[in-house]
N, C-alpha and C. Protein backbone atom coordinates (compact mmCIF):
# COMPACT_ATOMS: atom_id res chain seq x y z
N MET A 1 -28.89 -70.79 -6.88
CA MET A 1 -29.65 -69.12 -7.16
C MET A 1 -29.44 -68.48 -6.12
N THR A 2 -30.07 -68.77 -4.94
CA THR A 2 -30.36 -68.13 -3.31
C THR A 2 -28.42 -68.05 -3.69
N ASP A 3 -27.40 -69.00 -3.49
CA ASP A 3 -25.93 -69.11 -3.04
C ASP A 3 -25.24 -67.10 -3.56
N ILE A 4 -25.82 -67.20 -4.96
CA ILE A 4 -25.56 -65.89 -5.52
C ILE A 4 -25.77 -64.59 -5.06
N ALA A 5 -26.98 -64.63 -4.88
CA ALA A 5 -27.83 -63.54 -4.57
C ALA A 5 -27.37 -63.15 -3.19
N ILE A 6 -27.23 -64.34 -2.38
CA ILE A 6 -26.24 -63.51 -0.58
C ILE A 6 -24.94 -63.35 -1.15
N GLY A 7 -24.12 -64.12 -2.53
CA GLY A 7 -22.86 -63.45 -1.82
C GLY A 7 -22.67 -62.06 -2.92
N ASN A 8 -23.81 -60.94 -3.15
CA ASN A 8 -23.23 -60.01 -3.80
C ASN A 8 -24.24 -58.85 -3.22
N SER A 9 -25.04 -59.38 -2.17
CA SER A 9 -25.74 -58.84 -1.04
C SER A 9 -24.43 -58.30 0.03
N SER A 10 -23.56 -59.65 0.49
CA SER A 10 -22.53 -59.55 1.46
C SER A 10 -21.25 -58.25 0.64
N ARG A 11 -21.24 -58.61 -0.35
CA ARG A 11 -20.47 -57.98 -1.33
C ARG A 11 -20.79 -56.61 -1.26
N ARG A 12 -21.56 -56.13 -1.34
CA ARG A 12 -22.22 -54.58 -1.70
C ARG A 12 -22.38 -54.35 -0.59
N GLN A 13 -22.46 -54.27 0.88
CA GLN A 13 -22.03 -53.89 1.93
C GLN A 13 -20.80 -53.74 2.20
N THR A 14 -19.82 -55.14 1.87
CA THR A 14 -18.50 -54.57 2.26
C THR A 14 -17.68 -53.43 1.37
N THR A 15 -18.58 -53.12 -0.26
CA THR A 15 -17.95 -51.92 -1.10
C THR A 15 -18.85 -50.94 -0.57
N SER A 16 -19.47 -50.78 0.06
CA SER A 16 -20.38 -49.35 0.05
C SER A 16 -19.64 -48.93 1.27
N GLY A 17 -19.05 -49.73 2.56
CA GLY A 17 -17.95 -48.91 3.58
C GLY A 17 -16.99 -48.60 3.25
N SER A 18 -16.18 -48.92 2.04
CA SER A 18 -15.22 -48.93 1.24
C SER A 18 -15.22 -47.80 0.94
N VAL A 19 -16.46 -47.64 -0.06
CA VAL A 19 -16.18 -45.82 -0.79
C VAL A 19 -16.49 -45.25 0.06
N LEU A 20 -17.00 -44.57 1.63
CA LEU A 20 -17.50 -44.02 2.11
C LEU A 20 -15.72 -43.61 2.88
N VAL A 21 -14.93 -45.12 2.73
CA VAL A 21 -13.88 -44.33 3.67
C VAL A 21 -13.08 -43.74 2.15
N GLU A 22 -13.01 -44.31 0.76
CA GLU A 22 -12.29 -43.41 -0.48
C GLU A 22 -12.87 -42.09 -0.62
N LEU A 23 -13.88 -41.59 -0.41
CA LEU A 23 -14.67 -40.71 -0.36
C LEU A 23 -14.26 -39.60 0.28
N ALA A 24 -14.20 -40.09 1.79
CA ALA A 24 -13.38 -39.17 2.60
C ALA A 24 -11.76 -38.62 2.50
N LEU A 25 -11.31 -39.43 2.13
CA LEU A 25 -9.82 -39.34 1.87
C LEU A 25 -10.11 -38.52 0.90
N ILE A 26 -10.04 -39.09 -0.25
CA ILE A 26 -10.17 -37.75 -1.61
C ILE A 26 -10.45 -36.46 -1.15
N SER A 27 -11.98 -36.44 -0.61
CA SER A 27 -12.43 -35.28 -0.33
C SER A 27 -11.16 -33.86 0.67
N LEU A 28 -10.76 -34.96 1.25
CA LEU A 28 -9.95 -33.95 2.47
C LEU A 28 -8.91 -33.57 1.89
N ILE A 29 -7.96 -34.46 0.88
CA ILE A 29 -7.01 -34.45 -0.05
C ILE A 29 -7.55 -32.95 -1.19
N PHE A 30 -8.44 -33.02 -1.63
CA PHE A 30 -9.69 -32.26 -2.70
C PHE A 30 -9.37 -30.76 -1.99
N PHE A 31 -9.99 -31.00 -0.56
CA PHE A 31 -10.29 -29.63 0.02
C PHE A 31 -8.34 -28.69 0.57
N LEU A 32 -7.73 -29.91 0.88
CA LEU A 32 -6.45 -29.32 0.93
C LEU A 32 -5.78 -28.14 -0.07
N ILE A 33 -5.94 -29.46 -1.25
CA ILE A 33 -5.63 -28.30 -2.71
C ILE A 33 -6.26 -27.19 -2.93
N LEU A 34 -7.09 -27.76 -2.55
CA LEU A 34 -7.86 -26.06 -3.29
C LEU A 34 -7.85 -24.86 -2.07
N ILE A 35 -7.62 -25.23 -1.14
CA ILE A 35 -7.31 -23.72 -0.21
C ILE A 35 -6.24 -23.69 -0.22
N GLY A 36 -4.94 -24.59 -1.06
CA GLY A 36 -4.06 -24.09 -1.25
C GLY A 36 -3.75 -23.17 -2.33
N ILE A 37 -4.75 -23.41 -3.19
CA ILE A 37 -4.67 -23.06 -4.95
C ILE A 37 -5.25 -20.96 -4.55
N LEU A 38 -5.91 -21.02 -3.36
CA LEU A 38 -6.74 -20.00 -3.07
C LEU A 38 -5.50 -19.23 -1.87
N ASP A 39 -4.78 -19.64 -0.86
CA ASP A 39 -3.84 -18.95 -0.52
C ASP A 39 -2.65 -18.87 -1.36
N PHE A 40 -2.04 -19.76 -2.41
CA PHE A 40 -1.80 -18.92 -3.50
C PHE A 40 -1.86 -17.62 -4.43
N GLY A 41 -3.38 -17.91 -4.78
CA GLY A 41 -3.46 -16.73 -5.40
C GLY A 41 -4.53 -15.43 -4.66
N GLN A 42 -4.56 -15.62 -3.52
CA GLN A 42 -4.08 -14.48 -2.71
C GLN A 42 -2.81 -13.88 -2.63
N PHE A 43 -1.86 -14.60 -2.54
CA PHE A 43 -0.69 -14.36 -2.59
C PHE A 43 -0.47 -13.29 -3.84
N LEU A 44 -0.52 -14.03 -4.80
CA LEU A 44 -0.26 -13.23 -6.18
C LEU A 44 -1.12 -11.89 -6.63
N PHE A 45 -2.44 -11.75 -5.89
CA PHE A 45 -3.25 -11.15 -5.66
C PHE A 45 -2.08 -10.07 -5.05
N CYS A 46 -2.14 -9.77 -4.34
CA CYS A 46 -1.98 -8.81 -2.97
C CYS A 46 -0.48 -8.31 -3.23
N GLN A 47 0.52 -9.74 -3.71
CA GLN A 47 2.24 -8.98 -4.46
C GLN A 47 1.32 -8.41 -5.87
N GLN A 48 0.71 -8.80 -6.45
CA GLN A 48 0.98 -7.62 -7.68
C GLN A 48 0.10 -6.27 -7.46
N ALA A 49 -0.75 -6.41 -6.98
CA ALA A 49 -1.29 -4.95 -5.84
C ALA A 49 -0.57 -4.37 -5.77
N VAL A 50 0.52 -4.33 -4.87
CA VAL A 50 1.69 -3.80 -4.12
C VAL A 50 2.58 -3.21 -5.22
N VAL A 51 3.01 -4.30 -5.91
CA VAL A 51 3.98 -4.17 -7.16
C VAL A 51 3.17 -2.90 -8.06
N GLU A 52 2.38 -2.76 -8.59
CA GLU A 52 1.28 -1.34 -8.75
C GLU A 52 1.49 -0.13 -8.30
N ARG A 53 0.81 -0.45 -6.88
CA ARG A 53 1.26 0.90 -5.96
C ARG A 53 2.27 1.58 -6.54
N ALA A 54 3.60 0.56 -6.02
CA ALA A 54 4.58 1.23 -6.61
C ALA A 54 5.27 1.73 -7.51
N ARG A 55 4.30 1.13 -8.91
CA ARG A 55 4.96 1.48 -10.02
C ARG A 55 3.97 2.78 -9.61
N SER A 56 2.59 2.91 -9.87
CA SER A 56 1.98 4.57 -10.34
C SER A 56 2.72 4.98 -9.46
N ALA A 57 2.83 4.96 -8.16
CA ALA A 57 4.07 6.01 -7.54
C ALA A 57 5.13 6.85 -8.36
N ALA A 58 6.10 5.69 -8.34
CA ALA A 58 6.85 5.99 -9.50
C ALA A 58 6.70 7.23 -11.04
N ARG A 59 5.97 6.36 -10.97
CA ARG A 59 5.83 7.24 -12.83
C ARG A 59 4.76 8.57 -12.27
N TRP A 60 4.18 8.42 -11.32
CA TRP A 60 3.13 10.31 -10.73
C TRP A 60 4.80 10.83 -10.46
N GLY A 61 5.37 10.39 -9.73
CA GLY A 61 6.78 11.20 -8.61
C GLY A 61 7.69 11.90 -10.17
N ALA A 62 7.76 10.36 -11.61
CA ALA A 62 8.12 10.91 -12.05
C ALA A 62 8.18 12.40 -13.24
N VAL A 63 6.52 12.42 -13.38
CA VAL A 63 6.16 13.27 -14.04
C VAL A 63 6.04 14.48 -13.56
N THR A 64 5.61 14.69 -12.14
CA THR A 64 5.05 15.68 -11.80
C THR A 64 6.62 16.45 -10.74
N ASP A 65 6.89 16.02 -9.52
CA ASP A 65 8.21 16.14 -8.73
C ASP A 65 8.78 15.15 -8.50
N PRO A 66 10.13 14.34 -8.89
CA PRO A 66 10.92 13.28 -8.11
C PRO A 66 11.27 13.53 -6.37
N SER A 67 11.06 15.26 -6.04
CA SER A 67 12.03 15.70 -5.08
C SER A 67 10.65 15.64 -3.68
N ASN A 68 9.71 15.19 -4.23
CA ASN A 68 8.39 15.31 -3.35
C ASN A 68 8.00 14.27 -2.68
N SER A 69 9.27 13.44 -1.75
CA SER A 69 9.34 12.24 -1.25
C SER A 69 7.75 11.90 -0.75
N LEU A 70 7.07 13.15 0.22
CA LEU A 70 5.64 12.82 1.28
C LEU A 70 4.55 12.19 -0.05
N ALA A 71 4.56 13.43 -0.79
CA ALA A 71 3.69 13.29 -2.16
C ALA A 71 3.67 11.80 -2.76
N ILE A 72 4.84 11.51 -2.52
CA ILE A 72 4.93 9.89 -3.59
C ILE A 72 4.42 8.47 -2.84
N THR A 73 5.20 8.76 -1.15
CA THR A 73 5.16 7.97 -0.57
C THR A 73 3.42 7.81 -0.43
N ASN A 74 2.78 8.91 -0.19
CA ASN A 74 1.37 9.45 -0.24
C ASN A 74 0.40 9.02 -1.70
N MET A 75 0.89 8.63 -2.59
CA MET A 75 0.89 7.47 -3.53
C MET A 75 0.47 6.17 -3.86
N ALA A 76 1.87 6.50 -2.93
CA ALA A 76 1.79 4.58 -2.85
C ALA A 76 0.70 3.59 -1.99
N LEU A 77 0.29 4.48 -1.14
CA LEU A 77 -0.41 4.54 0.23
C LEU A 77 -2.21 4.05 -0.24
N TYR A 78 -1.80 5.86 -0.56
CA TYR A 78 -3.83 5.86 -1.21
C TYR A 78 -3.75 6.47 -2.62
N SER A 79 -2.48 6.58 -3.13
CA SER A 79 -3.63 6.69 -4.93
C SER A 79 -3.72 8.08 -4.99
N HIS A 80 -3.23 8.84 -4.04
CA HIS A 80 -3.61 10.10 -4.25
C HIS A 80 -2.54 10.73 -3.19
N PRO A 81 -1.75 11.81 -3.95
CA PRO A 81 -1.02 12.65 -3.23
C PRO A 81 -1.26 13.45 -1.98
N ILE A 82 -2.48 13.44 -2.09
CA ILE A 82 -2.41 13.61 -0.02
C ILE A 82 -3.38 12.85 0.57
N ALA A 83 -2.66 12.60 2.10
CA ALA A 83 -3.33 11.56 2.59
C ALA A 83 -4.89 12.13 2.69
N PRO A 84 -5.51 11.19 3.36
CA PRO A 84 -6.83 11.67 2.82
C PRO A 84 -6.92 12.27 4.80
N THR A 85 -8.53 12.99 5.38
CA THR A 85 -7.97 13.93 6.10
C THR A 85 -9.13 13.04 6.91
N ASP A 86 -9.65 11.46 6.70
CA ASP A 86 -11.58 11.35 7.31
C ASP A 86 -11.15 10.26 7.94
N GLY A 87 -9.33 9.43 8.17
CA GLY A 87 -8.84 8.41 8.69
C GLY A 87 -8.80 7.23 7.97
N THR A 88 -9.11 7.06 6.55
CA THR A 88 -8.72 6.43 5.62
C THR A 88 -7.36 5.64 6.00
N ALA A 89 -7.87 3.78 6.34
CA ALA A 89 -6.44 3.21 5.62
C ALA A 89 -6.07 2.85 4.99
N PRO A 90 -4.53 2.59 4.53
CA PRO A 90 -4.26 2.25 3.66
C PRO A 90 -4.48 1.08 2.99
N SER A 91 -4.64 0.58 1.73
CA SER A 91 -4.82 -1.02 1.71
C SER A 91 -3.63 -1.61 1.79
N PHE A 92 -4.34 -2.96 1.98
CA PHE A 92 -3.28 -3.98 2.24
C PHE A 92 -1.88 -3.99 3.12
N GLY A 93 -3.11 -2.62 4.79
CA GLY A 93 -1.85 -2.49 5.41
C GLY A 93 -0.73 -2.05 5.65
N LEU A 94 -0.24 -1.23 4.33
CA LEU A 94 1.01 -0.43 4.33
C LEU A 94 0.89 0.88 5.64
N THR A 95 1.76 1.32 5.82
CA THR A 95 2.08 2.17 6.66
C THR A 95 3.30 2.62 5.92
N PRO A 96 3.12 4.53 6.17
CA PRO A 96 4.77 5.12 5.70
C PRO A 96 5.93 4.54 6.04
N ALA A 97 6.21 3.72 6.79
CA ALA A 97 7.21 3.54 6.95
C ALA A 97 7.89 1.66 6.18
N MET A 98 7.21 1.40 5.52
CA MET A 98 7.00 0.24 4.05
C MET A 98 7.27 1.44 2.96
N VAL A 99 7.52 2.36 2.97
CA VAL A 99 7.51 2.95 1.42
C VAL A 99 9.03 3.98 2.47
N ASN A 100 9.34 3.80 0.76
CA ASN A 100 11.14 4.28 1.04
C ASN A 100 11.33 4.79 -0.38
N VAL A 101 11.45 6.05 -0.57
CA VAL A 101 11.03 7.02 -2.08
C VAL A 101 12.84 7.66 -1.55
N SER A 102 13.73 7.84 -2.87
CA SER A 102 14.90 7.82 -3.17
C SER A 102 15.28 8.54 -4.45
N ALA A 103 16.09 9.50 -4.50
CA ALA A 103 16.49 9.79 -5.96
C ALA A 103 18.15 9.67 -5.83
N PRO A 104 18.42 8.99 -6.12
CA PRO A 104 20.12 9.23 -6.11
C PRO A 104 20.83 9.68 -7.67
N ASP A 105 21.79 9.85 -7.43
CA ASP A 105 22.92 10.47 -8.60
C ASP A 105 21.97 11.46 -9.72
N GLU A 106 21.17 12.49 -8.27
CA GLU A 106 20.94 14.07 -9.35
C GLU A 106 21.86 14.54 -9.65
N GLY A 107 22.17 15.21 -11.49
CA GLY A 107 22.71 15.75 -11.57
C GLY A 107 23.52 15.41 -12.29
N THR A 108 23.33 13.52 -12.93
CA THR A 108 23.86 12.65 -13.36
C THR A 108 22.82 12.07 -14.53
N ASP A 109 23.40 11.89 -15.61
CA ASP A 109 22.40 10.84 -16.50
C ASP A 109 21.65 9.51 -15.78
N ASN A 110 22.75 9.06 -14.94
CA ASN A 110 22.02 8.27 -14.10
C ASN A 110 21.35 8.99 -12.82
N TYR A 111 20.64 9.35 -12.63
CA TYR A 111 19.38 10.08 -12.39
C TYR A 111 18.17 9.40 -12.43
N ARG A 112 17.75 8.72 -11.35
CA ARG A 112 16.46 8.42 -11.09
C ARG A 112 15.46 8.43 -9.61
N LEU A 113 14.45 8.32 -9.88
CA LEU A 113 13.50 8.29 -9.02
C LEU A 113 13.08 6.41 -8.43
N VAL A 114 13.42 5.87 -6.58
CA VAL A 114 13.67 4.50 -6.29
C VAL A 114 12.73 4.70 -5.45
N VAL A 115 11.83 4.23 -5.68
CA VAL A 115 10.50 3.88 -4.77
C VAL A 115 10.06 2.11 -4.07
N GLN A 116 10.92 2.51 -2.18
CA GLN A 116 10.64 0.57 -3.00
C GLN A 116 9.63 0.57 -1.00
N ILE A 117 9.14 -0.91 -1.68
CA ILE A 117 7.80 -0.94 -0.62
C ILE A 117 8.61 -2.38 0.26
N SER A 118 8.63 -2.13 1.31
CA SER A 118 9.04 -3.89 2.10
C SER A 118 8.33 -3.72 3.88
N GLY A 119 8.24 -4.92 3.87
CA GLY A 119 7.57 -5.27 5.27
C GLY A 119 5.99 -5.13 5.19
N TYR A 120 5.54 -5.47 4.05
CA TYR A 120 3.98 -6.22 4.00
C TYR A 120 3.68 -7.15 4.20
N SER A 121 2.73 -7.18 4.46
CA SER A 121 2.72 -8.63 4.76
C SER A 121 0.80 -8.79 4.22
N PHE A 122 1.00 -10.76 4.07
CA PHE A 122 -0.69 -11.29 4.06
C PHE A 122 -0.74 -12.42 4.87
N GLN A 123 -1.99 -12.88 5.10
CA GLN A 123 -2.92 -13.88 6.09
C GLN A 123 -2.19 -15.17 5.07
N SER A 124 -2.41 -16.03 5.42
CA SER A 124 -2.44 -17.53 4.62
C SER A 124 -3.41 -18.13 5.53
N PHE A 125 -4.49 -18.72 4.69
CA PHE A 125 -5.55 -19.69 5.20
C PHE A 125 -5.58 -21.28 5.61
N SER A 126 -3.90 -21.73 4.68
CA SER A 126 -4.35 -23.15 4.82
C SER A 126 -3.57 -24.06 6.10
N PRO A 127 -4.49 -25.31 6.38
CA PRO A 127 -4.13 -25.62 7.62
C PRO A 127 -2.74 -25.94 7.34
N PHE A 128 -2.19 -25.60 9.01
CA PHE A 128 -1.08 -25.86 9.81
C PHE A 128 -0.14 -25.03 8.67
N LEU A 129 -0.68 -23.81 7.65
CA LEU A 129 0.25 -22.78 7.70
C LEU A 129 -0.15 -21.96 7.73
N ALA A 130 -1.31 -21.84 8.65
CA ALA A 130 -2.36 -20.59 8.83
C ALA A 130 -0.94 -19.45 9.78
N ARG A 131 -0.92 -18.52 9.26
CA ARG A 131 0.11 -17.34 9.62
C ARG A 131 0.09 -15.81 8.70
N ARG A 132 0.96 -14.98 9.17
CA ARG A 132 1.44 -14.20 8.60
C ARG A 132 2.32 -14.38 7.80
N TYR A 133 2.83 -14.15 6.58
CA TYR A 133 3.66 -13.82 5.76
C TYR A 133 4.13 -12.71 5.68
N THR A 134 5.33 -12.60 5.65
CA THR A 134 5.84 -11.06 5.29
C THR A 134 6.55 -11.12 3.18
N GLY A 135 6.23 -9.83 2.74
CA GLY A 135 6.44 -10.17 1.07
C GLY A 135 8.05 -9.82 1.37
N ALA A 136 8.30 -10.40 -0.22
CA ALA A 136 9.52 -10.07 -0.41
C ALA A 136 9.66 -8.42 -0.61
N PRO A 137 10.83 -7.83 -0.52
CA PRO A 137 10.33 -6.07 -1.06
C PRO A 137 10.71 -5.82 -2.53
N ILE A 138 9.96 -5.08 -3.02
CA ILE A 138 9.18 -4.51 -4.17
C ILE A 138 10.50 -3.32 -4.56
N LEU A 139 11.14 -3.31 -5.90
CA LEU A 139 11.53 -2.09 -5.75
C LEU A 139 11.34 -1.77 -7.19
N VAL A 140 10.88 -0.26 -7.51
CA VAL A 140 10.95 0.06 -8.68
C VAL A 140 11.45 1.35 -8.66
N SER A 141 12.00 0.87 -10.24
CA SER A 141 13.35 2.76 -10.44
C SER A 141 12.71 2.98 -11.84
N VAL A 142 12.57 4.17 -11.92
CA VAL A 142 12.21 5.09 -13.17
C VAL A 142 13.37 6.05 -13.64
N PRO A 143 13.75 5.98 -14.44
CA PRO A 143 15.21 7.09 -14.68
C PRO A 143 14.80 8.28 -15.11
N LEU A 144 15.86 9.48 -14.74
CA LEU A 144 15.27 10.79 -14.89
C LEU A 144 16.41 11.61 -16.00
N GLY A 145 17.47 11.23 -15.56
CA GLY A 145 19.09 11.79 -15.84
C GLY A 145 18.36 11.80 -17.79
N LEU A 146 17.79 11.12 -18.44
CA LEU A 146 17.99 11.21 -19.48
C LEU A 146 16.56 12.32 -20.00
N TYR A 147 15.75 12.67 -19.47
CA TYR A 147 14.69 13.71 -19.64
C TYR A 147 14.69 14.45 -18.99
N ASN A 148 15.34 14.96 -17.81
CA ASN A 148 15.50 16.48 -17.33
C ASN A 148 16.85 17.36 -18.18
C-alpha cells in the first residue's frame, strides 16, 4: 500500500511541471492568435471606414457639384464640404494629397465622378509584424452622364 502511495505522489510532481509547460506554450499561441485577430479587425475597420468616406464624398459631389473638387476632397477628409477652421485633423491620418477627385468624359454618356483615396496607412500590433502598413488604393466612380 505504501508503494502505491509513493508512486502516485511522485507521478503528481512530474505531471504538475508538465502542465505548467503546456499551459505556457498554449497560452503563448492563444495570445498570438488573439493579437492577430485584433490586427485583422483593425485593418478591416480602417479599410471600410476609408471606403465609406470615399463613397460619401462621391455621392455628395454627384448630387451637388461634380466640378468642385475642393469641396469633394473636404467631404472625404472631414465629412463636411468646408474644412474646419479650428485645426481639426482628418480621421485615419488622411491628407488632401491622398485624395484625388476627377470627372472624366464630361459631355458624354460616360461622364462620371471619380474619387480615389490612396496612401493611407494603419499600425499593426502583432509581434514581429509591428509596423505601419499602407492600404490598397480605393476608387469610387459615380456615373453622371445619364442623369445630367
